[in-house]
Protein backbone atom coordinates (compact mmCIF):
# COMPACT_ATOMS: atom_id res chain seq x y z
CA MET A 1 236.20 142.37 -62.96
CA GLY A 2 237.97 141.52 -65.69
CA VAL A 3 235.22 142.36 -68.17
CA ALA A 4 235.24 146.21 -66.72
CA VAL A 5 238.90 146.05 -67.31
CA ARG A 6 239.19 145.11 -70.71
CA ASP A 7 236.11 147.52 -71.18
CA TRP A 8 238.68 150.30 -70.06
CA LEU A 9 241.50 149.21 -71.64
CA GLY A 10 239.47 149.35 -75.12
CA GLN A 11 237.94 152.65 -74.41
CA ALA A 12 241.48 154.14 -73.35
CA GLY A 13 242.92 153.06 -76.37
CA LEU A 14 245.91 151.30 -73.97
CA THR A 15 247.51 147.81 -73.99
CA ALA A 16 247.73 146.02 -70.86
CA ALA A 17 251.20 146.10 -70.75
CA GLU A 18 251.30 150.08 -70.34
CA VAL A 19 248.28 150.51 -67.79
CA ALA A 20 250.20 147.52 -65.59
CA ARG A 21 253.11 150.04 -66.13
CA SER A 22 251.32 153.55 -65.41
CA ALA A 23 249.28 151.54 -62.65
CA GLY A 24 252.13 150.06 -60.53
CA VAL A 25 251.12 146.80 -60.92
CA SER A 26 252.88 143.75 -62.67
CA CYS A 27 252.18 142.28 -66.03
CA SER A 28 251.11 139.11 -64.79
CA THR A 29 248.39 140.68 -61.67
CA MET A 30 247.30 142.83 -65.15
CA HIS A 31 246.77 139.51 -67.22
CA ARG A 32 245.49 137.71 -63.72
CA VAL A 33 242.64 140.55 -63.47
CA LEU A 34 242.29 140.60 -67.49
CA GLY A 35 241.59 136.54 -67.41
CA GLN A 36 239.66 136.80 -63.76
CA GLN A 37 241.69 134.47 -61.89
CA VAL A 38 242.38 136.73 -59.34
CA ASP A 39 240.13 139.45 -56.92
CA PRO A 40 241.75 142.53 -57.03
CA SER A 41 241.89 144.60 -54.55
CA VAL A 42 240.03 148.20 -54.33
CA GLY A 43 243.63 149.99 -54.60
CA THR A 44 244.67 147.80 -57.07
CA VAL A 45 241.55 148.26 -59.05
CA ARG A 46 241.72 152.20 -58.81
CA GLN A 47 244.89 152.26 -59.71
CA VAL A 48 243.93 150.79 -63.07
CA ALA A 49 241.39 152.43 -63.18
CA LEU A 50 243.37 155.82 -63.19
CA ALA A 51 245.58 154.37 -65.51
CA CYS A 52 243.27 153.99 -68.26
CA GLY A 53 241.35 157.85 -67.31
CA VAL A 54 238.33 156.13 -65.35
CA GLU A 55 237.26 157.42 -62.06
CA LEU A 56 236.47 154.65 -59.78
CA GLU A 57 233.61 155.51 -57.56
CA LEU A 58 233.23 153.45 -54.31
CA THR A 59 229.64 153.30 -52.25
CA THR A 60 228.78 152.15 -49.20
CA ARG A 61 225.51 151.30 -47.51
CA HIS A 62 224.15 149.09 -45.19
CA THR A 63 222.51 146.03 -45.89
CA SER A 64 218.49 145.47 -45.79
CA ASP A 65 218.97 142.26 -43.49
CA PRO A 66 221.57 142.20 -42.12
CA TYR A 67 220.97 138.62 -40.65
CA ALA A 68 220.80 137.10 -44.46
CA CYS A 69 224.51 139.25 -44.75
CA ALA A 70 225.52 137.12 -41.79
CA ALA A 71 224.24 133.59 -43.30
CA ALA A 72 225.82 134.51 -46.78
CA ARG A 73 229.08 135.15 -44.46
CA ALA A 74 228.65 132.29 -42.72
CA LEU A 75 228.51 130.44 -46.18
CA PHE A 76 231.45 132.01 -47.90
CA GLU A 77 234.05 131.52 -44.96
CA GLY A 78 233.25 128.62 -43.19
CA GLY A 79 232.52 128.66 -39.21
CA ARG A 80 231.43 132.24 -38.59
CA GLN A 81 228.08 132.08 -37.08
CA PRO A 82 225.08 134.14 -37.66
CA PRO A 83 223.70 136.97 -35.19
CA THR A 84 221.94 135.71 -32.68
CA ASP A 85 220.88 139.34 -31.37
CA PRO A 86 217.25 140.48 -31.47
CA ARG A 87 217.93 143.50 -33.32
CA CYS A 88 218.94 141.09 -36.24
CA LEU A 89 216.70 138.51 -36.20
CA ARG A 90 213.65 141.07 -36.74
CA GLY A 91 213.60 140.90 -40.54
CA ALA A 92 214.75 137.29 -40.77
CA ILE A 93 212.21 134.32 -42.11
CA GLY A 94 211.41 131.45 -39.68
């Protein structure tokens, strides 16, 4: 996300401090985003984008393989069990 925000700053001709002030976020948050040290919320990204004159569009869609998605969540969240519902297992390999 930091790379995209850095591009927005450059295109807008604004400094991180100017955008932080306009977006209502702290300078330290802005610098952590730019340094890719934090995963900002959608709300924060939206405010920063608007301050840079960028329209943020969020699109959602269903995953093509719910079982694979659940398995990935289990890896990242630890302890989450993949679904056992047969409808979710239809596309699973194995």
